[in-house]
Protein backbone atom coordinates (compact mmCIF):
# COMPACT_ATOMS: atom_id res chain seq x y z
CA MET A 1 84.38 84.45 87.03
CA LEU A 2 85.05 80.96 85.77
CA ARG A 3 86.30 78.03 88.73
CA ILE A 4 89.81 78.71 87.28
CA GLU A 5 89.78 82.29 87.30
CA ARG A 6 88.78 82.36 90.77
CA TYR A 7 91.67 79.86 91.42
CA VAL A 8 93.79 82.16 90.05
CA PHE A 9 92.42 85.02 92.18
CA ARG A 10 92.85 82.93 95.53
CA THR A 11 96.32 81.85 94.78
CA ALA A 12 97.24 85.50 94.11
CA ALA A 13 95.40 87.30 96.87
CA TYR A 14 97.11 84.29 99.34
CA ALA A 15 100.02 85.61 98.19
CA PHE A 16 99.55 89.70 98.52
CA LEU A 17 98.44 89.02 101.90
CA ALA A 18 101.11 87.01 103.17
CA GLY A 19 103.75 89.53 101.48
CA LEU A 20 101.78 92.67 102.80
CA ALA A 21 102.24 91.17 106.42
CA ALA A 22 105.67 90.13 106.38
CA LEU A 23 107.26 93.18 105.11
CA THR A 24 104.56 95.88 107.21
CA GLY A 25 105.40 93.65 110.00
CA ILE A 26 109.37 94.01 109.45
CA VAL A 27 108.81 97.26 108.83
CA TRP A 28 106.64 98.68 111.92
CA VAL A 29 109.30 96.75 113.94
CA THR A 30 112.31 98.52 112.51
CA GLN A 31 109.35 102.36 113.30
CA ALA A 32 108.75 101.05 116.61
CA LEU A 33 112.40 100.40 118.02
CA ARG A 34 113.31 103.98 117.17
CA GLN A 35 110.09 104.91 119.65
CA ILE A 36 111.67 102.74 122.80
CA ASP A 37 112.56 105.21 124.92
CA LEU A 38 108.76 106.13 125.35
CA LEU A 39 108.76 103.16 127.66
CA THR A 40 112.44 103.33 128.83
CA ASN A 41 113.19 107.32 128.76
CA LYS A 42 110.18 108.96 128.95
CA GLY A 43 108.07 106.51 131.43
CA GLN A 44 105.03 105.87 129.18
CA SER A 45 102.97 102.86 129.25
CA LEU A 46 103.20 99.70 126.71
CA LEU A 47 99.11 101.05 125.77
CA VAL A 48 100.39 104.91 124.53
CA PHE A 49 103.32 103.23 123.01
CA LEU A 50 101.44 100.47 120.82
CA GLY A 51 98.79 103.28 120.04
CA LEU A 52 101.93 106.11 118.85
CA THR A 53 103.64 103.49 116.77
CA GLY A 54 99.98 101.68 115.50
CA LEU A 55 98.83 104.88 113.85
CA THR A 56 102.45 104.35 111.40
CA THR A 57 100.45 101.05 109.82
CA PRO A 58 98.00 102.88 107.56
CA SER A 59 101.46 104.87 105.94
CA LEU A 60 103.21 101.82 105.92
CA VAL A 61 100.76 99.77 104.32
CA ALA A 62 99.60 102.74 101.82
CA ILE A 63 103.59 102.38 100.75
CA ILE A 64 104.06 98.30 100.75
CA ALA A 65 100.68 96.98 99.20
CA PRO A 66 101.83 98.22 95.55
CA VAL A 67 104.82 96.15 96.19
CA ALA A 68 103.18 92.99 97.66
CA LEU A 69 100.99 93.07 95.28
CA PHE A 70 104.07 92.93 92.55
CA VAL A 71 105.19 90.45 94.61
CA GLY A 72 102.52 88.36 95.23
CA VAL A 73 101.62 88.48 91.20
CA LEU A 74 105.53 87.19 90.19
CA TYR A 75 105.05 84.78 93.22
CA CYS A 76 101.52 83.01 91.80
CA LEU A 77 102.72 82.63 87.89
CA ASN A 78 105.99 81.97 88.75
CA GLN A 79 104.47 78.57 90.87
CA LEU A 80 101.71 78.68 88.19
CA ASN A 81 104.31 78.06 85.55
CA GLY A 82 106.27 75.83 87.28
CA ASP A 83 103.12 73.60 87.82
CA SER A 84 102.34 73.52 84.19
CA GLU A 85 99.17 74.71 85.47
CA LEU A 86 99.58 77.97 82.81
CA VAL A 87 100.81 75.65 79.53
CA VAL A 88 97.91 73.48 80.74
CA MET A 89 95.74 76.68 80.32
CA SER A 90 97.08 77.85 76.85
CA ALA A 91 96.31 74.76 75.50
CA ALA A 92 92.81 74.64 76.60
CA GLY A 93 92.40 78.13 74.94
CA VAL A 94 92.42 80.56 77.99
CA SER A 95 93.26 83.96 76.22
CA PRO A 96 95.93 86.26 78.24
CA ALA A 97 92.49 88.50 78.81
CA ARG A 98 91.11 86.47 80.29
CA LEU A 99 93.93 84.90 82.44
CA LEU A 100 94.47 88.73 83.43
CA ARG A 101 91.34 89.54 85.10
CA PRO A 102 91.42 88.02 88.53
CA PHE A 103 94.97 90.19 88.63
CA LEU A 104 93.01 93.32 87.48
CA LEU A 105 90.43 92.48 89.92
CA LEU A 106 93.46 92.42 92.71
CA SER A 107 94.72 95.39 91.23
CA ALA A 108 91.16 97.06 91.90
CA MET A 109 91.06 96.41 95.28
CA VAL A 110 94.79 97.37 95.90
CA PHE A 111 94.21 100.47 94.56
CA ALA A 112 91.06 101.25 96.67
CA LEU A 113 92.67 100.30 99.48
CA VAL A 114 95.52 102.45 98.98
CA ALA A 115 93.37 105.20 98.18
CA THR A 116 91.27 105.38 101.17
CA LEU A 117 94.00 104.85 103.03
CA SER A 118 95.98 108.08 101.20
CA VAL A 119 93.05 110.23 101.29
CA GLU A 120 91.53 109.65 104.48
CA VAL A 121 92.69 107.73 107.10
CA MET A 122 96.38 108.53 106.87
CA PRO A 123 95.88 112.43 107.63
CA TRP A 124 93.98 111.62 110.50
CA SER A 125 96.63 108.86 111.95
CA PHE A 126 99.86 111.61 111.18
CA ASP A 127 97.25 114.61 112.76
CA ALA A 128 96.17 112.18 116.00
CA ILE A 129 100.38 111.23 115.75
CA GLU A 130 100.72 114.88 116.75
CA THR A 131 98.51 115.00 118.99
CA LEU A 132 99.34 112.01 121.03
CA SER A 133 103.71 113.22 120.98
CA ALA A 134 102.21 116.46 122.29
CA PHE A 135 100.53 114.54 125.52
CA VAL A 136 103.39 112.59 125.51
CA ARG A 137 105.33 115.29 126.13
CA ALA A 138 103.33 116.99 128.43
CA ASP A 139 103.04 114.25 130.31
CA PHE A 140 106.87 113.78 130.50
CA ILE A 141 107.24 117.10 131.54
CA ALA A 142 104.29 116.43 134.52
CA ASN A 143 105.08 113.13 135.66
CA PHE A 144 108.65 112.04 134.75
CA ALA A 145 110.75 114.48 134.30
CA ARG A 146 113.48 114.54 136.48
CA ALA A 147 114.30 117.18 138.84
CA GLY A 148 117.78 118.61 138.61
CA ALA A 149 118.55 117.16 135.55
CA PHE A 150 118.33 118.56 131.59
CA ASN A 151 116.05 116.97 130.39
CA GLU A 152 115.74 117.55 126.16
CA LEU A 153 112.05 117.35 125.41
CA THR A 154 113.31 117.19 121.57
CA SER A 155 116.24 117.78 119.40
CA GLY A 156 117.68 121.40 120.73
CA PHE A 157 114.85 122.45 123.62
CA ILE A 158 116.33 121.47 127.39
CA PHE A 159 113.51 121.60 130.01
CA HIS A 160 115.33 122.13 133.68
CA PHE A 161 113.60 122.28 137.18
CA ARG A 162 114.61 122.55 140.55
CA GLU A 163 112.34 120.55 142.75
CA ARG A 164 108.65 119.41 142.68
CA GLY A 165 106.37 121.21 145.19
CA PRO A 166 104.37 119.24 147.19
CA ASP A 167 101.22 120.28 145.24
CA GLY A 168 103.32 118.89 142.31
CA SER A 169 103.74 122.47 140.54
CA LEU A 170 107.42 122.33 139.93
CA ARG A 171 110.17 125.38 140.97
CA GLY A 172 113.15 126.43 139.57
CA VAL A 173 111.84 126.22 135.91
CA PHE A 174 114.59 126.95 133.38
CA MET A 175 113.40 126.17 129.46
CA GLN A 176 115.80 126.88 126.57
CA ASP A 177 114.66 126.47 122.98
CA ARG A 178 118.52 125.79 120.62
CA ARG A 179 116.42 124.26 117.57
CA ASP A 180 117.10 127.88 115.51
CA PRO A 181 120.35 128.96 116.84
CA ALA A 182 119.98 132.77 115.28
CA HIS A 183 117.22 132.92 118.11
CA ILE A 184 117.47 130.89 120.81
CA THR A 185 114.70 131.72 123.42
CA THR A 186 115.76 131.25 127.07
CA TYR A 187 112.64 130.94 129.89
CA ILE A 188 113.64 131.53 133.85
CA SER A 189 110.65 131.44 136.17
CA GLU A 190 110.36 130.81 140.03
CA ILE A 191 107.21 128.37 139.19
CA GLY A 192 106.02 126.45 136.47
CA LYS A 193 102.21 123.85 135.97
CA THR A 194 100.84 122.25 133.33
CA VAL A 195 97.27 122.59 132.72
CA THR A 196 94.52 120.74 129.68
CA ARG A 197 92.50 123.24 128.09
CA ASP A 198 89.92 122.76 125.25
CA GLY A 199 92.20 119.38 124.39
CA GLN A 200 95.52 121.62 124.09
CA THR A 201 98.10 121.10 127.21
CA TYR A 202 100.07 124.12 128.48
CA LEU A 203 103.18 124.82 130.79
CA VAL A 204 102.05 128.14 133.16
CA LEU A 205 105.79 129.81 134.13
CA SER A 206 104.85 131.83 137.11
CA LYS A 207 106.95 135.09 137.98
CA GLY A 208 110.01 134.75 135.63
CA THR A 209 111.73 136.38 132.70
CA TYR A 210 111.53 135.70 128.74
CA GLN A 211 114.80 136.44 127.11
CA ARG A 212 115.16 136.40 123.46
CA PRO A 213 118.37 137.74 121.15
CA GLU A 214 117.75 140.75 118.67
CA GLN A 215 119.35 141.55 115.46
CA SER A 216 121.22 144.34 117.14
CA GLY A 217 123.34 141.95 119.24
CA ASP A 218 121.85 142.84 122.25
CA SER A 219 119.07 140.68 124.30
CA ALA A 220 115.41 141.87 124.87
CA ILE A 221 114.47 140.78 128.51
CA VAL A 222 110.64 140.66 129.61
CA THR A 223 109.50 140.36 132.86
CA PHE A 224 106.35 138.42 133.22
CA ASP A 225 104.01 137.62 136.33
CA ASP A 226 102.53 134.54 134.39
CA TYR A 227 103.37 132.96 130.77
CA ALA A 228 101.90 130.46 128.91
CA ILE A 229 103.19 128.27 126.79
CA ASP A 230 101.56 125.92 124.38
CA LEU A 231 103.66 122.76 124.32
CA SER A 232 102.16 121.11 120.64
CA GLN A 233 103.50 123.95 119.17
CA PHE A 234 107.12 122.66 120.15
CA MET A 235 106.16 119.32 117.88
CA HIS A 236 106.26 121.75 114.61
CA ASN A 237 109.48 123.78 115.58
CA GLY A 238 107.97 126.87 116.97
CA ASP A 239 105.42 126.79 113.71
CA ALA A 240 101.29 126.24 114.70
CA VAL A 241 100.49 125.47 111.11
CA LYS A 242 99.62 122.17 110.36
CA ARG A 243 102.23 120.13 108.27
CA PRO A 244 101.09 118.99 104.79
CA ARG A 245 100.75 115.52 105.72
CA GLU A 246 98.54 116.29 108.45
CA LEU A 247 95.89 118.32 106.55
CA SER A 248 92.89 116.76 104.97
CA THR A 249 92.26 116.14 101.50
CA ALA A 250 89.43 118.57 101.29
CA GLU A 251 91.76 121.36 102.95
CA LEU A 252 94.79 120.61 100.62
CA LEU A 253 92.44 120.98 97.34
CA LYS A 254 91.08 124.32 99.30
CA ILE A 255 94.80 125.47 99.12
CA ASP A 256 94.56 127.71 95.87
CA LYS A 257 91.69 129.57 96.91
CA SER A 258 92.80 130.70 100.26
CA SER A 259 94.54 134.24 100.70
CA ASP A 260 96.41 133.14 103.58
CA GLU A 261 100.16 133.76 102.98
CA GLN A 262 101.42 131.23 104.74
CA ASP A 263 99.24 129.08 102.71
CA LYS A 264 100.71 130.77 99.80
CA ARG A 265 104.28 130.43 101.12
CA MET A 266 103.61 126.71 101.26
CA ALA A 267 101.86 125.67 97.98
CA GLY A 268 104.67 123.73 96.44
CA ARG A 269 104.50 121.75 100.03
CA PHE A 270 100.84 121.23 99.05
CA ARG A 271 101.32 120.55 95.72
CA GLY A 272 103.25 117.71 96.18
CA GLU A 273 101.59 116.21 99.17
CA LEU A 274 98.08 116.54 96.83
CA THR A 275 100.00 114.39 93.84
CA ASP A 276 101.72 112.05 96.10
CA ARG A 277 98.06 111.00 97.67
CA LEU A 278 96.18 110.89 94.47
CA ALA A 279 98.35 109.47 92.14
CA SER A 280 100.21 106.51 94.54
CA PRO A 281 97.20 104.67 94.53
CA PHE A 282 97.98 104.16 90.25
CA TYR A 283 100.89 102.39 90.98
CA ALA A 284 98.84 99.48 92.48
CA PHE A 285 97.84 98.82 88.40
CA ALA A 286 101.44 99.83 87.24
CA ALA A 287 102.83 97.02 90.00
CA GLY A 288 100.38 94.20 88.68
CA LEU A 289 100.30 94.76 85.08
CA ILE A 290 104.26 94.78 84.87
CA GLY A 291 104.42 91.49 86.92
CA PHE A 292 101.93 89.98 84.42
CA ALA A 293 103.47 91.41 81.19
CA ALA A 294 106.84 89.71 82.55
CA LEU A 295 105.67 86.40 83.17
CA GLY A 296 101.98 85.90 81.82
CA GLU A 297 102.95 83.72 79.31
CA ALA A 298 102.94 80.15 79.38
CA ARG A 299 106.73 78.73 79.32
CA THR A 300 108.10 75.33 79.11
CA THR A 301 110.64 73.64 81.93
CA ARG A 302 113.40 74.40 79.71
CA GLN A 303 112.76 78.22 79.56
CA GLY A 304 114.40 80.02 82.13
CA ARG A 305 112.42 82.83 83.81
CA GLY A 306 115.14 84.44 85.64
CA VAL A 307 115.98 87.34 82.86
CA ALA A 308 112.34 87.76 82.94
CA ILE A 309 111.54 88.29 87.03
CA ALA A 310 115.02 90.46 87.04
CA THR A 311 113.59 92.75 84.20
CA ALA A 312 110.23 93.01 85.83
CA VAL A 313 111.86 93.75 89.44
CA LEU A 314 114.33 96.62 87.89
CA ALA A 315 111.38 98.23 85.65
CA PHE A 316 109.08 98.29 88.71
CA VAL A 317 111.76 99.36 90.84
CA ALA A 318 113.03 102.40 88.25
CA LEU A 319 108.86 103.29 88.26
CA ARG A 320 108.96 103.77 91.74
CA MET A 321 111.78 105.52 92.87
CA LEU A 322 111.04 107.90 89.08
CA GLY A 323 107.77 108.38 90.68
CA VAL A 324 109.35 109.28 94.16
CA ALA A 325 111.92 111.84 92.48
CA VAL A 326 108.97 113.71 90.30
CA THR A 327 106.37 113.73 93.38
CA SER A 328 109.70 115.87 95.23
CA LEU A 329 110.20 117.61 92.02
CA ALA A 330 106.05 118.64 92.05
CA VAL A 331 107.04 120.79 95.16
CA SER A 332 108.87 123.23 92.92
CA ASP A 333 107.48 122.78 89.35
CA PRO A 334 103.75 122.60 88.86
CA ARG A 335 104.03 120.82 85.35
CA ALA A 336 106.18 117.83 87.25
CA ALA A 337 102.37 116.91 89.15
CA ILE A 338 101.20 116.21 85.83
CA ALA A 339 104.21 113.57 84.84
CA ALA A 340 103.54 111.97 88.38
CA TRP A 341 100.42 110.79 86.92
CA ALA A 342 101.49 110.06 83.82
CA LEU A 343 104.14 107.81 85.13
CA PRO A 344 102.19 105.04 86.67
CA ILE A 345 99.14 105.56 83.54
CA GLY A 346 101.20 105.56 81.18
CA ALA A 347 103.18 102.12 82.17
CA SER A 348 99.96 100.48 82.99
CA ALA A 349 98.94 101.50 79.61
CA LEU A 350 102.13 99.95 78.40
CA CYS A 351 101.77 96.53 79.91
CA LEU A 352 98.18 96.11 78.70
CA ASP A 353 99.57 97.16 75.06
CA SER A 354 102.56 94.37 75.64
CA ILE A 355 99.45 91.64 77.36
CA CYS A 356 96.88 92.15 74.54
CA GLY A 357 99.01 92.54 71.59
CA GLY A 358 98.79 96.06 70.73
CA PRO A 359 99.72 98.13 68.22
CA VAL A 360 102.86 99.40 70.33
CA LYS A 361 104.09 96.09 70.22
CA ARG A 362 103.55 94.81 67.00
CA ALA A 363 105.43 97.91 65.88
CA PHE A 364 107.88 96.58 68.00
CA THR A 365 107.50 93.21 66.91
CA LEU A 366 108.12 94.34 63.54
CA TRP A 367 111.37 96.65 64.15
CA ARG A 368 113.28 93.65 65.89
CA GLN A 369 111.84 91.60 62.28
CA ARG A 370 113.48 94.06 60.19
CA ILE A 371 116.76 94.33 62.51
CA ALA A 372 117.01 90.59 62.27
CA ALA A 373 116.43 90.35 58.40
CA ARG A 374 119.28 93.05 57.66
CA ARG A 375 121.43 91.03 60.01
CA SER A 376 120.83 88.06 58.49
């Protein structure tokens, strides 16, 4: 790599890193403020708060990195042109293809970063978030739930106990799950204790009843001596199966070969999640190439670049929004998965054609010349 290429790469990389840090920090703060009740209401430590909110960082970086790259490319090229450096490079014989090399290298690095986060790190982080959240809720029941108060563990799930015994057990336990209005479940017991077995946290109820309405309008009441409730199930609205975003990429790839009925019913969601993981890294190339296609050409200070910047911003925003829509559509239509791949790859190919003066650009230029000739 030539010295001028290293200079351009360094300028673009600094701009990208600064934008990534700033945007990620802003979004992280907004997400962290939503979890502030861990400190105020659930009595958790600052370490637990930072751990739970910090686990969202990989997903934030994966989404923000292409945007930060796009902003960094625009900033770098605009600065180079404003200092007349692009004009000097062009006069010295630096071709657009050579000037593009450092930006392609930076785009490839961002592609590798987003691919690693999407394929490997994000599934692990989401699974860790659910595990830590289950611990927080169990810890809240055992240590911080107030006696005599109706504590809402999650939306629609109420927990209440009369008093805490000398041994730490809960006396007079009442629990009601109203998240599904058609299947309201009520638990009443004399004693409750939280126990941990094989990494799972359970609330063991003793000497109580379990009540659930039937379709006939009556209620089924079951009396029990001991009844264990897996607290982690309440993180998934009563579904013990992991959500698609918590599954590893290898597990998602095996879904089509699975005979499990649950997997078959959720095949659309699995397909949409897998498509998003594998297609989203390609937006790094699209971001870098759209920015370069808009501002990579040297211009004098008299030639405004505002229209080019606005066009590039609108094009990238439209591409990303269309990509989100197509990925969502892939849940119900398998053909949309192909379009989710074609969007960033096709946009990158068109930008390369425009930068290098390929057949599409030559055909477009010829068409404009014919239109101008007819008007004249």
